Amino acid sequence: MLQFTISLLGQGCCFQRDGDRSVGISRRGCGARAGLGSLLHKTDTSYGLFLSDHSVLDITESELVILPAILCQDLKGPTDWHLKRCLRLGFTREDVDAVQKVIERIVTHGGGKLSQIGSVWDIQDE
């Protein structure tokens, strides 16, 4: 079972998921319980309709949408996985490094900071 906590408009909410099925949302100061469930459903639907449908974007284009979205949140584990995925899809380390540097510049320009993530050069060959 996957469990994570998100902050929606400063209100903490806990979402639990077991495989493909939502098993609960608990409120900890979150007044919009139904709204949160709807938001998470829309997120799943958006992913399902656009990023996993390779007739819209092929798998490499999808990865170039997903990687910046994950990387700019400074999420080490998911970023490492998606960096590996880029390499498995045939991107060169140089290409992935260039994409990562652009994302880092955008985050810095927006006032953000990336301190948790590594680089594609840290990823071991498989």
C-alpha atoms as a PDB file:
ATOM      1  CA  MET A   1       0.000   0.000   0.000  1.00  0.00           C
ATOM      2  CA  LEU A   2       1.262   3.446  -0.949  1.00  0.00           C
ATOM      3  CA  GLN A   3       0.615   6.290   1.440  1.00  0.00           C
ATOM      4  CA  PHE A   4       1.687   9.868   1.039  1.00  0.00           C
ATOM      5  CA  THR A   5       0.805  13.239   2.462  1.00  0.00           C
ATOM      6  CA  ILE A   6       0.189  16.267   0.320  1.00  0.00           C
ATOM      7  CA  SER A   7      -0.437  19.880   1.127  1.00  0.00           C
ATOM      8  CA  LEU A   8      -3.342  21.456  -0.717  1.00  0.00           C
ATOM      9  CA  LEU A   9      -3.636  25.186  -0.071  1.00  0.00           C
ATOM     10  CA  GLY A  10      -1.724  24.732   3.165  1.00  0.00           C
ATOM     11  CA  GLN A  11      -4.042  21.986   4.412  1.00  0.00           C
ATOM     12  CA  GLY A  12      -2.503  18.576   5.127  1.00  0.00           C
ATOM     13  CA  CYS A  13      -4.260  15.548   3.689  1.00  0.00           C
ATOM     14  CA  CYS A  14      -3.262  11.909   3.655  1.00  0.00           C
ATOM     15  CA  PHE A  15      -4.054   9.796   0.585  1.00  0.00           C
ATOM     16  CA  GLN A  16      -3.810   6.009   0.613  1.00  0.00           C
ATOM     17  CA  ARG A  17      -3.715   3.867  -2.487  1.00  0.00           C
ATOM     18  CA  ASP A  18      -3.498   0.095  -2.920  1.00  0.00           C
ATOM     19  CA  GLY A  19      -2.437  -0.755  -6.452  1.00  0.00           C
ATOM     20  CA  ASP A  20      -4.881   0.876  -8.858  1.00  0.00           C
ATOM     21  CA  ARG A  21      -7.534   1.448  -6.247  1.00  0.00           C
ATOM     22  CA  SER A  22      -7.941   4.370  -3.887  1.00  0.00           C
ATOM     23  CA  VAL A  23      -8.550   3.130  -0.360  1.00  0.00           C
ATOM     24  CA  GLY A  24      -8.938   6.363   1.504  1.00  0.00           C
ATOM     25  CA  ILE A  25      -8.327  10.001   2.082  1.00  0.00           C
ATOM     26  CA  SER A  26      -8.068  11.166   5.649  1.00  0.00           C
ATOM     27  CA  ARG A  27      -8.410  14.761   6.723  1.00  0.00           C
ATOM     28  CA  ARG A  28      -5.914  16.491   8.936  1.00  0.00           C
ATOM     29  CA  GLY A  29      -7.174  20.035   8.677  1.00  0.00           C
ATOM     30  CA  CYS A  30      -8.351  19.507   5.109  1.00  0.00           C
ATOM     31  CA  GLY A  31     -11.798  20.914   4.553  1.00  0.00           C
ATOM     32  CA  ALA A  32     -12.133  19.826   0.926  1.00  0.00           C
ATOM     33  CA  ARG A  33     -12.084  16.045   1.209  1.00  0.00           C
ATOM     34  CA  ALA A  34     -14.304  15.463  -1.805  1.00  0.00           C
ATOM     35  CA  GLY A  35     -12.407  18.073  -3.787  1.00  0.00           C
ATOM     36  CA  LEU A  36      -9.106  16.340  -3.068  1.00  0.00           C
ATOM     37  CA  GLY A  37     -10.442  13.008  -4.276  1.00  0.00           C
ATOM     38  CA  SER A  38     -11.668  14.704  -7.419  1.00  0.00           C
ATOM     39  CA  LEU A  39      -8.287  16.380  -7.933  1.00  0.00           C
ATOM     40  CA  LEU A  40      -6.436  13.072  -7.566  1.00  0.00           C
ATOM     41  CA  HIS A  41      -8.877  11.377  -9.944  1.00  0.00           C
ATOM     42  CA  LYS A  42      -8.305  14.145 -12.499  1.00  0.00           C
ATOM     43  CA  THR A  43      -4.549  13.687 -12.126  1.00  0.00           C
ATOM     44  CA  ASP A  44      -4.876   9.937 -12.768  1.00  0.00           C
ATOM     45  CA  THR A  45      -7.206  10.593 -15.692  1.00  0.00           C
ATOM     46  CA  SER A  46      -4.881  13.175 -17.213  1.00  0.00           C
ATOM     47  CA  TYR A  47      -1.961  10.780 -16.996  1.00  0.00           C
ATOM     48  CA  GLY A  48      -4.016   7.957 -18.440  1.00  0.00           C
ATOM     49  CA  LEU A  49      -5.412   9.993 -21.310  1.00  0.00           C
ATOM     50  CA  PHE A  50      -2.281  11.795 -22.397  1.00  0.00           C
ATOM     51  CA  LEU A  51       1.009  10.429 -21.144  1.00  0.00           C
ATOM     52  CA  SER A  52       0.269   6.717 -21.372  1.00  0.00           C
ATOM     53  CA  ASP A  53      -1.503   6.938 -24.751  1.00  0.00           C
ATOM     54  CA  HIS A  54       1.397   6.737 -27.168  1.00  0.00           C
ATOM     55  CA  SER A  55      -0.780   7.707 -30.122  1.00  0.00           C
ATOM     56  CA  VAL A  56      -0.757  11.240 -28.669  1.00  0.00           C
ATOM     57  CA  LEU A  57       2.873  11.451 -27.534  1.00  0.00           C
ATOM     58  CA  ASP A  58       5.316   8.643 -28.163  1.00  0.00           C
ATOM     59  CA  ILE A  59       7.136   7.126 -25.216  1.00  0.00           C
ATOM     60  CA  THR A  60      10.195   9.374 -25.567  1.00  0.00           C
ATOM     61  CA  GLU A  61       8.067  12.524 -25.810  1.00  0.00           C
ATOM     62  CA  SER A  62       6.107  11.402 -22.755  1.00  0.00           C
ATOM     63  CA  GLU A  63       9.335  10.958 -20.826  1.00  0.00           C
ATOM     64  CA  LEU A  64      10.394  14.486 -21.797  1.00  0.00           C
ATOM     65  CA  VAL A  65       7.160  15.742 -20.219  1.00  0.00           C
ATOM     66  CA  ILE A  66       7.397  13.579 -17.102  1.00  0.00           C
ATOM     67  CA  LEU A  67      11.104  14.125 -16.315  1.00  0.00           C
ATOM     68  CA  PRO A  68      10.875  17.925 -15.909  1.00  0.00           C
ATOM     69  CA  ALA A  69       7.677  17.616 -13.873  1.00  0.00           C
ATOM     70  CA  ILE A  70       9.359  15.206 -11.444  1.00  0.00           C
ATOM     71  CA  LEU A  71      12.791  16.835 -11.453  1.00  0.00           C
ATOM     72  CA  CYS A  72      11.549  20.352 -10.662  1.00  0.00           C
ATOM     73  CA  GLN A  73       9.968  18.999  -7.463  1.00  0.00           C
ATOM     74  CA  ASP A  74      13.423  17.877  -6.253  1.00  0.00           C
ATOM     75  CA  LEU A  75      12.268  14.262  -5.847  1.00  0.00           C
ATOM     76  CA  LYS A  76      15.395  12.081  -5.806  1.00  0.00           C
ATOM     77  CA  GLY A  77      13.918   8.586  -6.148  1.00  0.00           C
ATOM     78  CA  PRO A  78      11.449   9.332  -8.948  1.00  0.00           C
ATOM     79  CA  THR A  79      14.017  11.531 -10.727  1.00  0.00           C
ATOM     80  CA  ASP A  80      16.610   8.730 -10.659  1.00  0.00           C
ATOM     81  CA  TRP A  81      14.040   6.272 -12.021  1.00  0.00           C
ATOM     82  CA  HIS A  82      13.081   8.609 -14.869  1.00  0.00           C
ATOM     83  CA  LEU A  83      16.727   9.376 -15.649  1.00  0.00           C
ATOM     84  CA  LYS A  84      17.303   5.597 -15.962  1.00  0.00           C
ATOM     85  CA  ARG A  85      14.196   5.350 -18.103  1.00  0.00           C
ATOM     86  CA  CYS A  86      15.537   8.009 -20.477  1.00  0.00           C
ATOM     87  CA  LEU A  87      18.743   6.011 -20.879  1.00  0.00           C
ATOM     88  CA  ARG A  88      16.790   2.778 -21.472  1.00  0.00           C
ATOM     89  CA  LEU A  89      14.765   4.568 -24.161  1.00  0.00           C
ATOM     90  CA  GLY A  90      17.964   5.422 -26.031  1.00  0.00           C
ATOM     91  CA  PHE A  91      18.694   8.983 -24.981  1.00  0.00           C
ATOM     92  CA  THR A  92      22.403   9.652 -24.613  1.00  0.00           C
ATOM     93  CA  ARG A  93      23.752  10.819 -21.270  1.00  0.00           C
ATOM     94  CA  GLU A  94      24.724  14.072 -22.975  1.00  0.00           C
ATOM     95  CA  ASP A  95      21.135  14.651 -24.166  1.00  0.00           C
ATOM     96  CA  VAL A  96      19.665  13.900 -20.743  1.00  0.00           C
ATOM     97  CA  ASP A  97      22.291  16.085 -19.068  1.00  0.00           C
ATOM     98  CA  ALA A  98      21.391  18.979 -21.394  1.00  0.00           C
ATOM     99  CA  VAL A  99      17.677  18.593 -20.582  1.00  0.00           C
ATOM    100  CA  GLN A 100      18.455  18.425 -16.868  1.00  0.00           C
ATOM    101  CA  LYS A 101      20.590  21.583 -17.013  1.00  0.00           C
ATOM    102  CA  VAL A 102      17.778  23.492 -18.729  1.00  0.00           C
ATOM    103  CA  ILE A 103      15.313  22.340 -16.064  1.00  0.00           C
ATOM    104  CA  GLU A 104      17.726  23.360 -13.301  1.00  0.00           C
ATOM    105  CA  ARG A 105      18.102  26.828 -14.858  1.00  0.00           C
ATOM    106  CA  ILE A 106      14.329  27.228 -15.048  1.00  0.00           C
ATOM    107  CA  VAL A 107      13.916  26.184 -11.406  1.00  0.00           C
ATOM    108  CA  THR A 108      16.679  28.569 -10.311  1.00  0.00           C
ATOM    109  CA  HIS A 109      15.192  31.411 -12.359  1.00  0.00           C
ATOM    110  CA  GLY A 110      11.858  30.799 -10.635  1.00  0.00           C
ATOM    111  CA  GLY A 111      13.500  31.057  -7.214  1.00  0.00           C
ATOM    112  CA  GLY A 112      13.555  27.321  -6.518  1.00  0.00           C
ATOM    113  CA  LYS A 113      16.416  25.135  -5.389  1.00  0.00           C
ATOM    114  CA  LEU A 114      17.285  21.559  -6.275  1.00  0.00           C
ATOM    115  CA  SER A 115      19.307  19.952  -3.505  1.00  0.00           C
ATOM    116  CA  GLN A 116      18.177  16.306  -3.427  1.00  0.00           C
ATOM    117  CA  ILE A 117      18.585  15.160  -7.000  1.00  0.00           C
ATOM    118  CA  GLY A 118      21.716  13.835  -8.640  1.00  0.00           C
ATOM    119  CA  SER A 119      22.646  13.929 -12.289  1.00  0.00           C
ATOM    120  CA  VAL A 120      22.396  11.452 -15.108  1.00  0.00           C
ATOM    121  CA  TRP A 121      26.141  10.887 -14.671  1.00  0.00           C
ATOM    122  CA  ASP A 122      25.430   9.351 -11.232  1.00  0.00           C
ATOM    123  CA  ILE A 123      23.156   6.691 -12.748  1.00  0.00           C
ATOM    124  CA  GLN A 124      24.781   3.253 -13.058  1.00  0.00           C
ATOM    125  CA  ASP A 125      24.732   1.440 -16.399  1.00  0.00           C
ATOM    126  CA  GLU A 126      22.387  -1.519 -16.460  1.00  0.00           C
END
